[in-house]
């Protein structure tokens, strides 16, 4: 077998392995819709993560970043509890 054929076979095997790995990682992701509120402003965001904790934390950071008017408010917001949390089914 020539070197070119061996390289093509190896590239194909790597590509198939990558598709399988990415597909299995996507299957384990969860989505959550989280709402945050501070000083009369509120926002709800949906985020994904490999775990419930990561997805909720990501959504909280999105919400707080959008509704906080200062760095101090951002820190207070990120330290507070969400007004609602719900799992989003795909």
Protein backbone atom coordinates (compact mmCIF):
# COMPACT_ATOMS: atom_id res chain seq x y z
CA UNK A 1 0.00 0.00 0.00
CA UNK A 2 1.35 3.42 -0.89
CA UNK A 3 2.02 6.17 1.64
CA UNK A 4 -0.74 8.36 0.18
CA UNK A 5 -3.34 5.64 0.72
CA UNK A 6 -2.15 5.07 4.30
CA UNK A 7 -2.40 8.81 5.02
CA UNK A 8 -5.89 8.96 3.48
CA UNK A 9 -7.05 6.00 5.59
CA UNK A 10 -5.59 7.55 8.75
CA UNK A 11 -7.26 10.90 7.99
CA UNK A 12 -10.59 9.14 7.44
CA UNK A 13 -10.30 7.28 10.75
CA UNK A 14 -9.48 10.53 12.59
CA UNK A 15 -12.44 12.30 10.95
CA UNK A 16 -14.87 9.52 11.91
CA UNK A 17 -13.51 9.49 15.47
CA UNK A 18 -13.94 13.25 15.72
CA UNK A 19 -17.56 13.06 14.53
CA UNK A 20 -18.32 10.35 17.08
CA UNK A 21 -16.65 12.29 19.91
CA UNK A 22 -18.44 15.55 19.09
CA UNK A 23 -21.80 13.78 18.76
CA UNK A 24 -21.45 12.09 22.13
CA UNK A 25 -20.41 15.38 23.80
CA UNK A 26 -23.41 17.20 22.34
CA UNK A 27 -25.71 14.49 23.66
CA UNK A 28 -24.58 15.12 27.24
CA UNK A 29 -25.25 18.89 27.19
CA UNK A 30 -28.14 20.33 29.19
CA UNK A 31 -29.96 23.64 28.73
CA UNK A 32 -31.47 25.88 31.42
CA UNK A 33 -33.49 29.09 31.28
CA UNK A 34 -32.55 31.34 34.20
CA UNK A 35 -34.05 34.69 35.19
CA UNK A 36 -32.24 37.25 37.32
CA UNK A 37 -33.46 40.54 38.78
CA UNK A 38 -31.70 43.54 40.32
CA UNK A 39 -32.96 47.04 41.13
CA UNK A 40 -36.20 46.60 39.19
CA UNK A 41 -34.47 45.28 36.07
CA UNK A 42 -34.75 41.65 35.03
CA UNK A 43 -33.61 39.40 32.23
CA UNK A 44 -33.97 35.73 31.33
CA UNK A 45 -31.33 33.81 29.37
CA UNK A 46 -30.92 30.26 28.12
CA UNK A 47 -27.51 28.63 28.33
CA UNK A 48 -26.06 25.16 27.77
CA UNK A 49 -23.41 23.29 29.66
CA UNK A 50 -22.08 19.83 30.31
CA UNK A 51 -23.81 19.90 33.69
CA UNK A 52 -26.75 21.63 35.37
CA UNK A 53 -24.41 23.78 37.47
CA UNK A 54 -22.41 25.03 34.47
CA UNK A 55 -25.52 25.81 32.40
CA UNK A 56 -27.18 27.74 35.24
CA UNK A 57 -23.99 29.66 36.06
CA UNK A 58 -23.55 30.64 32.40
CA UNK A 59 -27.14 31.89 32.13
CA UNK A 60 -26.76 33.86 35.38
CA UNK A 61 -23.61 35.55 34.05
CA UNK A 62 -25.41 36.50 30.83
CA UNK A 63 -28.39 37.92 32.73
CA UNK A 64 -26.32 39.85 35.25
CA UNK A 65 -24.06 41.27 32.56
CA UNK A 66 -27.08 42.67 30.73
CA UNK A 67 -28.99 44.14 33.68
CA UNK A 68 -26.17 45.46 35.88
CA UNK A 69 -25.38 49.17 35.58
CA UNK A 70 -22.02 48.97 37.38
CA UNK A 71 -19.35 46.53 38.47
CA UNK A 72 -20.75 46.63 42.03
CA UNK A 73 -24.23 45.70 40.78
CA UNK A 74 -22.72 42.92 38.68
CA UNK A 75 -21.06 41.41 41.74
CA UNK A 76 -24.26 41.69 43.79
CA UNK A 77 -26.32 40.18 40.97
CA UNK A 78 -23.96 37.25 40.42
CA UNK A 79 -24.02 36.55 44.16
CA UNK A 80 -27.81 36.46 44.37
CA UNK A 81 -30.26 33.66 43.71
CA UNK A 82 -32.11 33.47 40.37
CA UNK A 83 -35.77 34.46 40.36
CA UNK A 84 -36.50 31.34 38.30
CA UNK A 85 -34.67 28.34 36.88
CA UNK A 86 -36.18 25.84 34.46
CA UNK A 87 -34.71 23.05 32.40
CA UNK A 88 -35.16 23.50 28.65
CA UNK A 89 -35.97 20.28 26.84
CA UNK A 90 -34.43 19.92 23.41
